[in-house]
Amino acid sequence: MKKLAVILILMFVYTTSCRNNVQTDEVLGVDTMKVILWDMLRADEYFTRLSIKDSTAVKRKEQIRLYEQVYAIHHLRKGKFDSSYRYYEAHPVQF
């Protein structure tokens, strides 16, 4: 009886830990995510080059502004991008 209880508890823990917290309709498609990540990398590269030329630039605010431009170009909310990014980090095979 104790073995059965231990097995049931382990099965319960296993099944609850494997659930996705992100709905699949909240996750951006792979092709869309690739394009957005490419634009984010380009924004990072631009920011790096800008900060080398101008050391007086307000660095953090400028980087956030560039990211917000990328979100606006793709008609995207930051929260949706973040949840999609976390989902693909947890599921690298799908990406």
PDB file of N, CA and C in Angstrom:
ATOM      1  N   MET A   1       0.810  -1.182   0.000  1.00  0.00           N
ATOM      2  CA  MET A   1       0.000   0.000   0.000  1.00  0.00           C
ATOM      3  C   MET A   1       0.862   1.258   0.000  1.00  0.00           C
ATOM      4  N   LYS A   2       1.965   1.224   0.747  1.00  0.00           N
ATOM      5  CA  LYS A   2       2.855   2.380   0.788  1.00  0.00           C
ATOM      6  C   LYS A   2       3.502   2.607  -0.574  1.00  0.00           C
ATOM      7  N   LYS A   3       3.843   1.509  -1.253  1.00  0.00           N
ATOM      8  CA  LYS A   3       4.469   1.638  -2.573  1.00  0.00           C
ATOM      9  C   LYS A   3       3.501   2.278  -3.555  1.00  0.00           C
ATOM     10  N   LEU A   4       2.252   1.888  -3.487  1.00  0.00           N
ATOM     11  CA  LEU A   4       1.249   2.466  -4.368  1.00  0.00           C
ATOM     12  C   LEU A   4       1.083   3.968  -4.107  1.00  0.00           C
ATOM     13  N   ALA A   5       1.081   4.347  -2.839  1.00  0.00           N
ATOM     14  CA  ALA A   5       0.953   5.759  -2.490  1.00  0.00           C
ATOM     15  C   ALA A   5       2.156   6.557  -2.997  1.00  0.00           C
ATOM     16  N   VAL A   6       3.350   5.998  -2.860  1.00  0.00           N
ATOM     17  CA  VAL A   6       4.565   6.673  -3.340  1.00  0.00           C
ATOM     18  C   VAL A   6       4.523   6.803  -4.860  1.00  0.00           C
ATOM     19  N   ILE A   7       4.106   5.776  -5.543  1.00  0.00           N
ATOM     20  CA  ILE A   7       4.025   5.813  -7.005  1.00  0.00           C
ATOM     21  C   ILE A   7       3.009   6.856  -7.457  1.00  0.00           C
ATOM     22  N   LEU A   8       1.860   6.894  -6.800  1.00  0.00           N
ATOM     23  CA  LEU A   8       0.843   7.890  -7.154  1.00  0.00           C
ATOM     24  C   LEU A   8       1.333   9.315  -6.913  1.00  0.00           C
ATOM     25  N   ILE A   9       2.019   9.526  -5.822  1.00  0.00           N
ATOM     26  CA  ILE A   9       2.558  10.857  -5.522  1.00  0.00           C
ATOM     27  C   ILE A   9       3.596  11.250  -6.562  1.00  0.00           C
ATOM     28  N   LEU A  10       4.473  10.333  -6.918  1.00  0.00           N
ATOM     29  CA  LEU A  10       5.496  10.624  -7.929  1.00  0.00           C
ATOM     30  C   LEU A  10       4.864  10.911  -9.291  1.00  0.00           C
ATOM     31  N   MET A  11       3.836  10.165  -9.641  1.00  0.00           N
ATOM     32  CA  MET A  11       3.148  10.417 -10.913  1.00  0.00           C
ATOM     33  C   MET A  11       2.476  11.796 -10.908  1.00  0.00           C
ATOM     34  N   PHE A  12       1.881  12.154  -9.774  1.00  0.00           N
ATOM     35  CA  PHE A  12       1.237  13.459  -9.669  1.00  0.00           C
ATOM     36  C   PHE A  12       2.261  14.578  -9.809  1.00  0.00           C
ATOM     37  N   VAL A  13       3.386  14.462  -9.123  1.00  0.00           N
ATOM     38  CA  VAL A  13       4.435  15.476  -9.208  1.00  0.00           C
ATOM     39  C   VAL A  13       4.977  15.566 -10.622  1.00  0.00           C
ATOM     40  N   TYR A  14       5.179  14.445 -11.261  1.00  0.00           N
ATOM     41  CA  TYR A  14       5.706  14.434 -12.629  1.00  0.00           C
ATOM     42  C   TYR A  14       4.742  15.099 -13.610  1.00  0.00           C
ATOM     43  N   THR A  15       3.464  14.765 -13.522  1.00  0.00           N
ATOM     44  CA  THR A  15       2.507  15.332 -14.469  1.00  0.00           C
ATOM     45  C   THR A  15       2.278  16.824 -14.239  1.00  0.00           C
ATOM     46  N   THR A  16       2.312  17.279 -12.997  1.00  0.00           N
ATOM     47  CA  THR A  16       2.109  18.706 -12.749  1.00  0.00           C
ATOM     48  C   THR A  16       3.344  19.520 -13.088  1.00  0.00           C
ATOM     49  N   SER A  17       4.519  18.940 -13.024  1.00  0.00           N
ATOM     50  CA  SER A  17       5.731  19.693 -13.337  1.00  0.00           C
ATOM     51  C   SER A  17       5.964  19.798 -14.832  1.00  0.00           C
ATOM     52  N   CYS A  18       5.355  18.968 -15.631  1.00  0.00           N
ATOM     53  CA  CYS A  18       5.567  18.970 -17.074  1.00  0.00           C
ATOM     54  C   CYS A  18       4.576  19.843 -17.832  1.00  0.00           C
ATOM     55  N   ARG A  19       3.668  20.461 -17.161  1.00  0.00           N
ATOM     56  CA  ARG A  19       2.679  21.297 -17.844  1.00  0.00           C
ATOM     57  C   ARG A  19       3.315  22.593 -18.325  1.00  0.00           C
ATOM     58  N   ASN A  20       2.807  23.089 -19.438  1.00  0.00           N
ATOM     59  CA  ASN A  20       3.232  24.384 -19.941  1.00  0.00           C
ATOM     60  C   ASN A  20       2.399  25.457 -19.272  1.00  0.00           C
ATOM     61  N   ASN A  21       3.052  26.498 -18.789  1.00  0.00           N
ATOM     62  CA  ASN A  21       2.331  27.612 -18.202  1.00  0.00           C
ATOM     63  C   ASN A  21       1.882  28.601 -19.265  1.00  0.00           C
ATOM     64  N   VAL A  22       2.424  28.477 -20.466  1.00  0.00           N
ATOM     65  CA  VAL A  22       2.110  29.398 -21.549  1.00  0.00           C
ATOM     66  C   VAL A  22       1.140  28.724 -22.495  1.00  0.00           C
ATOM     67  N   GLN A  23       0.063  29.407 -22.823  1.00  0.00           N
ATOM     68  CA  GLN A  23      -0.890  28.900 -23.800  1.00  0.00           C
ATOM     69  C   GLN A  23      -0.244  28.952 -25.178  1.00  0.00           C
ATOM     70  N   THR A  24      -0.552  27.985 -26.024  1.00  0.00           N
ATOM     71  CA  THR A  24       0.052  27.978 -27.352  1.00  0.00           C
ATOM     72  C   THR A  24      -0.442  29.137 -28.212  1.00  0.00           C
ATOM     73  N   ASP A  25      -1.623  29.672 -27.939  1.00  0.00           N
ATOM     74  CA  ASP A  25      -2.081  30.830 -28.704  1.00  0.00           C
ATOM     75  C   ASP A  25      -1.371  32.109 -28.271  1.00  0.00           C
ATOM     76  N   GLU A  26      -0.712  32.087 -27.118  1.00  0.00           N
ATOM     77  CA  GLU A  26       0.054  33.241 -26.650  1.00  0.00           C
ATOM     78  C   GLU A  26       1.487  33.213 -27.150  1.00  0.00           C
ATOM     79  N   VAL A  27       1.908  32.120 -27.757  1.00  0.00           N
ATOM     80  CA  VAL A  27       3.276  31.977 -28.234  1.00  0.00           C
ATOM     81  C   VAL A  27       3.328  32.374 -29.705  1.00  0.00           C
ATOM     82  N   LEU A  28       4.292  33.201 -30.029  1.00  0.00           N
ATOM     83  CA  LEU A  28       4.482  33.598 -31.417  1.00  0.00           C
ATOM     84  C   LEU A  28       4.976  32.409 -32.224  1.00  0.00           C
ATOM     85  N   GLY A  29       4.678  32.399 -33.504  1.00  0.00           N
ATOM     86  CA  GLY A  29       5.142  31.334 -34.372  1.00  0.00           C
ATOM     87  C   GLY A  29       6.661  31.368 -34.522  1.00  0.00           C
ATOM     88  N   VAL A  30       7.226  30.252 -34.905  1.00  0.00           N
ATOM     89  CA  VAL A  30       8.681  30.137 -35.016  1.00  0.00           C
ATOM     90  C   VAL A  30       9.219  31.126 -36.047  1.00  0.00           C
ATOM     91  N   ASP A  31       8.585  31.206 -37.209  1.00  0.00           N
ATOM     92  CA  ASP A  31       9.065  32.108 -38.250  1.00  0.00           C
ATOM     93  C   ASP A  31       8.978  33.569 -37.811  1.00  0.00           C
ATOM     94  N   THR A  32       7.895  33.923 -37.151  1.00  0.00           N
ATOM     95  CA  THR A  32       7.743  35.290 -36.647  1.00  0.00           C
ATOM     96  C   THR A  32       8.790  35.588 -35.590  1.00  0.00           C
ATOM     97  N   MET A  33       9.021  34.631 -34.705  1.00  0.00           N
ATOM     98  CA  MET A  33       9.987  34.826 -33.627  1.00  0.00           C
ATOM     99  C   MET A  33      11.395  34.997 -34.181  1.00  0.00           C
ATOM    100  N   LYS A  34      11.726  34.261 -35.233  1.00  0.00           N
ATOM    101  CA  LYS A  34      13.052  34.395 -35.837  1.00  0.00           C
ATOM    102  C   LYS A  34      13.272  35.801 -36.376  1.00  0.00           C
ATOM    103  N   VAL A  35      12.269  36.339 -37.040  1.00  0.00           N
ATOM    104  CA  VAL A  35      12.387  37.689 -37.611  1.00  0.00           C
ATOM    105  C   VAL A  35      12.527  38.729 -36.502  1.00  0.00           C
ATOM    106  N   ILE A  36      11.727  38.584 -35.459  1.00  0.00           N
ATOM    107  CA  ILE A  36      11.783  39.542 -34.351  1.00  0.00           C
ATOM    108  C   ILE A  36      13.133  39.462 -33.644  1.00  0.00           C
ATOM    109  N   LEU A  37      13.617  38.256 -33.401  1.00  0.00           N
ATOM    110  CA  LEU A  37      14.925  38.115 -32.754  1.00  0.00           C
ATOM    111  C   LEU A  37      16.035  38.692 -33.626  1.00  0.00           C
ATOM    112  N   TRP A  38      15.929  38.530 -34.931  1.00  0.00           N
ATOM    113  CA  TRP A  38      16.919  39.106 -35.833  1.00  0.00           C
ATOM    114  C   TRP A  38      16.922  40.634 -35.698  1.00  0.00           C
ATOM    115  N   ASP A  39      15.738  41.230 -35.645  1.00  0.00           N
ATOM    116  CA  ASP A  39      15.656  42.678 -35.484  1.00  0.00           C
ATOM    117  C   ASP A  39      16.178  43.121 -34.122  1.00  0.00           C
ATOM    118  N   MET A  40      15.946  42.326 -33.085  1.00  0.00           N
ATOM    119  CA  MET A  40      16.473  42.652 -31.763  1.00  0.00           C
ATOM    120  C   MET A  40      17.999  42.613 -31.767  1.00  0.00           C
ATOM    121  N   LEU A  41      18.558  41.622 -32.444  1.00  0.00           N
ATOM    122  CA  LEU A  41      20.017  41.541 -32.546  1.00  0.00           C
ATOM    123  C   LEU A  41      20.577  42.734 -33.312  1.00  0.00           C
ATOM    124  N   ARG A  42      19.883  43.142 -34.362  1.00  0.00           N
ATOM    125  CA  ARG A  42      20.328  44.316 -35.119  1.00  0.00           C
ATOM    126  C   ARG A  42      20.255  45.571 -34.259  1.00  0.00           C
ATOM    127  N   ALA A  43      19.207  45.691 -33.435  1.00  0.00           N
ATOM    128  CA  ALA A  43      19.091  46.837 -32.530  1.00  0.00           C
ATOM    129  C   ALA A  43      20.220  46.822 -31.507  1.00  0.00           C
ATOM    130  N   ASP A  44      20.567  45.646 -30.988  1.00  0.00           N
ATOM    131  CA  ASP A  44      21.690  45.533 -30.054  1.00  0.00           C
ATOM    132  C   ASP A  44      23.001  45.940 -30.716  1.00  0.00           C
ATOM    133  N   GLU A  45      23.203  45.517 -31.946  1.00  0.00           N
ATOM    134  CA  GLU A  45      24.427  45.871 -32.667  1.00  0.00           C
ATOM    135  C   GLU A  45      24.500  47.382 -32.892  1.00  0.00           C
ATOM    136  N   TYR A  46      23.377  47.979 -33.286  1.00  0.00           N
ATOM    137  CA  TYR A  46      23.333  49.427 -33.473  1.00  0.00           C
ATOM    138  C   TYR A  46      23.633  50.147 -32.162  1.00  0.00           C
ATOM    139  N   PHE A  47      23.043  49.671 -31.069  1.00  0.00           N
ATOM    140  CA  PHE A  47      23.267  50.275 -29.764  1.00  0.00           C
ATOM    141  C   PHE A  47      24.732  50.166 -29.363  1.00  0.00           C
ATOM    142  N   THR A  48      25.347  49.031 -29.618  1.00  0.00           N
ATOM    143  CA  THR A  48      26.759  48.838 -29.273  1.00  0.00           C
ATOM    144  C   THR A  48      27.631  49.822 -30.047  1.00  0.00           C
ATOM    145  N   ARG A  49      27.379  49.948 -31.326  1.00  0.00           N
ATOM    146  CA  ARG A  49      28.157  50.884 -32.138  1.00  0.00           C
ATOM    147  C   ARG A  49      27.917  52.327 -31.710  1.00  0.00           C
ATOM    148  N   LEU A  50      26.684  52.661 -31.354  1.00  0.00           N
ATOM    149  CA  LEU A  50      26.363  54.007 -30.904  1.00  0.00           C
ATOM    150  C   LEU A  50      27.054  54.322 -29.583  1.00  0.00           C
ATOM    151  N   SER A  51      27.068  53.375 -28.673  1.00  0.00           N
ATOM    152  CA  SER A  51      27.660  53.627 -27.359  1.00  0.00           C
ATOM    153  C   SER A  51      29.184  53.713 -27.434  1.00  0.00           C
ATOM    154  N   ILE A  52      29.794  53.094 -28.433  1.00  0.00           N
ATOM    155  CA  ILE A  52      31.242  53.225 -28.613  1.00  0.00           C
ATOM    156  C   ILE A  52      31.574  54.637 -29.088  1.00  0.00           C
ATOM    157  N   LYS A  53      30.765  55.161 -30.007  1.00  0.00           N
ATOM    158  CA  LYS A  53      31.001  56.498 -30.544  1.00  0.00           C
ATOM    159  C   LYS A  53      30.696  57.588 -29.529  1.00  0.00           C
ATOM    160  N   ASP A  54      29.623  57.426 -28.778  1.00  0.00           N
ATOM    161  CA  ASP A  54      29.166  58.467 -27.867  1.00  0.00           C
ATOM    162  C   ASP A  54      29.043  57.885 -26.466  1.00  0.00           C
ATOM    163  N   SER A  55      30.042  58.124 -25.654  1.00  0.00           N
ATOM    164  CA  SER A  55      30.031  57.556 -24.309  1.00  0.00           C
ATOM    165  C   SER A  55      29.109  58.315 -23.366  1.00  0.00           C
ATOM    166  N   THR A  56      28.613  59.475 -23.779  1.00  0.00           N
ATOM    167  CA  THR A  56      27.735  60.246 -22.912  1.00  0.00           C
ATOM    168  C   THR A  56      26.265  59.889 -23.101  1.00  0.00           C
ATOM    169  N   ALA A  57      25.973  59.031 -24.044  1.00  0.00           N
ATOM    170  CA  ALA A  57      24.583  58.650 -24.288  1.00  0.00           C
ATOM    171  C   ALA A  57      24.009  57.947 -23.064  1.00  0.00           C
ATOM    172  N   VAL A  58      22.749  58.179 -22.834  1.00  0.00           N
ATOM    173  CA  VAL A  58      22.066  57.497 -21.741  1.00  0.00           C
ATOM    174  C   VAL A  58      21.815  56.080 -22.226  1.00  0.00           C
ATOM    175  N   LYS A  59      22.661  55.173 -21.805  1.00  0.00           N
ATOM    176  CA  LYS A  59      22.723  53.855 -22.431  1.00  0.00           C
ATOM    177  C   LYS A  59      21.469  53.028 -22.219  1.00  0.00           C
ATOM    178  N   ARG A  60      21.005  52.914 -21.025  1.00  0.00           N
ATOM    179  CA  ARG A  60      19.884  52.028 -20.747  1.00  0.00           C
ATOM    180  C   ARG A  60      18.603  52.509 -21.429  1.00  0.00           C
ATOM    181  N   LYS A  61      18.357  53.800 -21.377  1.00  0.00           N
ATOM    182  CA  LYS A  61      17.143  54.339 -21.985  1.00  0.00           C
ATOM    183  C   LYS A  61      17.176  54.174 -23.502  1.00  0.00           C
ATOM    184  N   GLU A  62      18.338  54.346 -24.095  1.00  0.00           N
ATOM    185  CA  GLU A  62      18.445  54.216 -25.542  1.00  0.00           C
ATOM    186  C   GLU A  62      18.182  52.775 -25.970  1.00  0.00           C
ATOM    187  N   GLN A  63      18.696  51.810 -25.240  1.00  0.00           N
ATOM    188  CA  GLN A  63      18.478  50.411 -25.583  1.00  0.00           C
ATOM    189  C   GLN A  63      16.993  50.045 -25.454  1.00  0.00           C
ATOM    190  N   ILE A  64      16.343  50.524 -24.425  1.00  0.00           N
ATOM    191  CA  ILE A  64      14.915  50.265 -24.247  1.00  0.00           C
ATOM    192  C   ILE A  64      14.123  50.906 -25.383  1.00  0.00           C
ATOM    193  N   ARG A  65      14.505  52.106 -25.788  1.00  0.00           N
ATOM    194  CA  ARG A  65      13.827  52.783 -26.885  1.00  0.00           C
ATOM    195  C   ARG A  65      13.953  51.980 -28.177  1.00  0.00           C
ATOM    196  N   LEU A  66      15.135  51.419 -28.424  1.00  0.00           N
ATOM    197  CA  LEU A  66      15.328  50.611 -29.630  1.00  0.00           C
ATOM    198  C   LEU A  66      14.467  49.353 -29.591  1.00  0.00           C
ATOM    199  N   TYR A  67      14.389  48.712 -28.432  1.00  0.00           N
ATOM    200  CA  TYR A  67      13.541  47.521 -28.306  1.00  0.00           C
ATOM    201  C   TYR A  67      12.073  47.887 -28.528  1.00  0.00           C
ATOM    202  N   GLU A  68      11.647  49.013 -27.995  1.00  0.00           N
ATOM    203  CA  GLU A  68      10.261  49.438 -28.182  1.00  0.00           C
ATOM    204  C   GLU A  68       9.957  49.712 -29.653  1.00  0.00           C
ATOM    205  N   GLN A  69      10.949  50.205 -30.388  1.00  0.00           N
ATOM    206  CA  GLN A  69      10.762  50.401 -31.823  1.00  0.00           C
ATOM    207  C   GLN A  69      10.556  49.070 -32.533  1.00  0.00           C
ATOM    208  N   VAL A  70      11.319  48.070 -32.128  1.00  0.00           N
ATOM    209  CA  VAL A  70      11.164  46.739 -32.735  1.00  0.00           C
ATOM    210  C   VAL A  70       9.777  46.192 -32.433  1.00  0.00           C
ATOM    211  N   TYR A  71       9.304  46.347 -31.191  1.00  0.00           N
ATOM    212  CA  TYR A  71       7.954  45.887 -30.844  1.00  0.00           C
ATOM    213  C   TYR A  71       6.909  46.615 -31.689  1.00  0.00           C
ATOM    214  N   ALA A  72       7.091  47.931 -31.876  1.00  0.00           N
ATOM    215  CA  ALA A  72       6.125  48.715 -32.645  1.00  0.00           C
ATOM    216  C   ALA A  72       6.124  48.296 -34.112  1.00  0.00           C
ATOM    217  N   ILE A  73       7.278  48.023 -34.668  1.00  0.00           N
ATOM    218  CA  ILE A  73       7.364  47.604 -36.075  1.00  0.00           C
ATOM    219  C   ILE A  73       6.595  46.307 -36.298  1.00  0.00           C
ATOM    220  N   HIS A  74       6.693  45.409 -35.340  1.00  0.00           N
ATOM    221  CA  HIS A  74       6.053  44.094 -35.477  1.00  0.00           C
ATOM    222  C   HIS A  74       4.663  44.043 -34.841  1.00  0.00           C
ATOM    223  N   HIS A  75       4.147  45.191 -34.397  1.00  0.00           N
ATOM    224  CA  HIS A  75       2.814  45.276 -33.776  1.00  0.00           C
ATOM    225  C   HIS A  75       2.704  44.245 -32.650  1.00  0.00           C
ATOM    226  N   LEU A  76       3.581  44.386 -31.675  1.00  0.00           N
ATOM    227  CA  LEU A  76       3.749  43.383 -30.638  1.00  0.00           C
ATOM    228  C   LEU A  76       3.827  44.045 -29.273  1.00  0.00           C
ATOM    229  N   ARG A  77       3.314  43.353 -28.262  1.00  0.00           N
ATOM    230  CA  ARG A  77       3.471  43.785 -26.873  1.00  0.00           C
ATOM    231  C   ARG A  77       4.728  43.148 -26.300  1.00  0.00           C
ATOM    232  N   LYS A  78       5.364  43.834 -25.381  1.00  0.00           N
ATOM    233  CA  LYS A  78       6.571  43.303 -24.741  1.00  0.00           C
ATOM    234  C   LYS A  78       6.261  42.012 -23.991  1.00  0.00           C
ATOM    235  N   GLY A  79       5.114  41.961 -23.336  1.00  0.00           N
ATOM    236  CA  GLY A  79       4.741  40.767 -22.576  1.00  0.00           C
ATOM    237  C   GLY A  79       4.596  39.535 -23.454  1.00  0.00           C
ATOM    238  N   LYS A  80       4.024  39.703 -24.625  1.00  0.00           N
ATOM    239  CA  LYS A  80       3.854  38.567 -25.529  1.00  0.00           C
ATOM    240  C   LYS A  80       5.211  38.082 -26.037  1.00  0.00           C
ATOM    241  N   PHE A  81       6.099  39.022 -26.333  1.00  0.00           N
ATOM    242  CA  PHE A  81       7.447  38.626 -26.753  1.00  0.00           C
ATOM    243  C   PHE A  81       8.162  37.894 -25.631  1.00  0.00           C
ATOM    244  N   ASP A  82       8.085  38.430 -24.425  1.00  0.00           N
ATOM    245  CA  ASP A  82       8.761  37.801 -23.287  1.00  0.00           C
ATOM    246  C   ASP A  82       8.235  36.392 -23.020  1.00  0.00           C
ATOM    247  N   SER A  83       6.917  36.213 -23.070  1.00  0.00           N
ATOM    248  CA  SER A  83       6.370  34.873 -22.820  1.00  0.00           C
ATOM    249  C   SER A  83       6.764  33.907 -23.940  1.00  0.00           C
ATOM    250  N   SER A  84       6.795  34.385 -25.172  1.00  0.00           N
ATOM    251  CA  SER A  84       7.220  33.530 -26.284  1.00  0.00           C
ATOM    252  C   SER A  84       8.697  33.176 -26.153  1.00  0.00           C
ATOM    253  N   TYR A  85       9.494  34.146 -25.759  1.00  0.00           N
ATOM    254  CA  TYR A  85      10.936  33.907 -25.596  1.00  0.00           C
ATOM    255  C   TYR A  85      11.188  32.870 -24.506  1.00  0.00           C
ATOM    256  N   ARG A  86      10.478  33.000 -23.384  1.00  0.00           N
ATOM    257  CA  ARG A  86      10.617  32.008 -22.304  1.00  0.00           C
ATOM    258  C   ARG A  86      10.160  30.627 -22.744  1.00  0.00           C
ATOM    259  N   TYR A  87       9.083  30.578 -23.529  1.00  0.00           N
ATOM    260  CA  TYR A  87       8.582  29.298 -24.019  1.00  0.00           C
ATOM    261  C   TYR A  87       9.627  28.617 -24.896  1.00  0.00           C
ATOM    262  N   TYR A  88      10.217  29.361 -25.826  1.00  0.00           N
ATOM    263  CA  TYR A  88      11.203  28.766 -26.721  1.00  0.00           C
ATOM    264  C   TYR A  88      12.519  28.458 -26.003  1.00  0.00           C
ATOM    265  N   GLU A  89      12.819  29.176 -24.938  1.00  0.00           N
ATOM    266  CA  GLU A  89      13.978  28.817 -24.111  1.00  0.00           C
ATOM    267  C   GLU A  89      13.760  27.471 -23.436  1.00  0.00           C
ATOM    268  N   ALA A  90      12.538  27.231 -23.008  1.00  0.00           N
ATOM    269  CA  ALA A  90      12.211  25.973 -22.339  1.00  0.00           C
ATOM    270  C   ALA A  90      12.034  24.826 -23.332  1.00  0.00           C
ATOM    271  N   HIS A  91      11.744  25.148 -24.610  1.00  0.00           N
ATOM    272  CA  HIS A  91      11.521  24.137 -25.642  1.00  0.00           C
ATOM    273  C   HIS A  91      12.417  24.407 -26.856  1.00  0.00           C
ATOM    274  N   PRO A  92      13.721  24.241 -26.722  1.00  0.00           N
ATOM    275  CA  PRO A  92      14.634  24.596 -27.818  1.00  0.00           C
ATOM    276  C   PRO A  92      14.460  23.725 -29.067  1.00  0.00           C
ATOM    277  N   VAL A  93      13.960  22.533 -28.908  1.00  0.00           N
ATOM    278  CA  VAL A  93      13.763  21.657 -30.064  1.00  0.00           C
ATOM    279  C   VAL A  93      12.691  22.226 -30.982  1.00  0.00           C
ATOM    280  N   GLN A  94      11.667  22.816 -30.425  1.00  0.00           N
ATOM    281  CA  GLN A  94      10.606  23.402 -31.234  1.00  0.00           C
ATOM    282  C   GLN A  94      11.064  24.648 -31.955  1.00  0.00           C
ATOM    283  N   PHE A  95      12.083  25.319 -31.419  1.00  0.00           N
ATOM    284  CA  PHE A  95      12.581  26.532 -32.072  1.00  0.00           C
ATOM    285  C   PHE A  95      13.585  26.147 -33.128  1.00  0.00           C
TER     286      PHE A  95
END
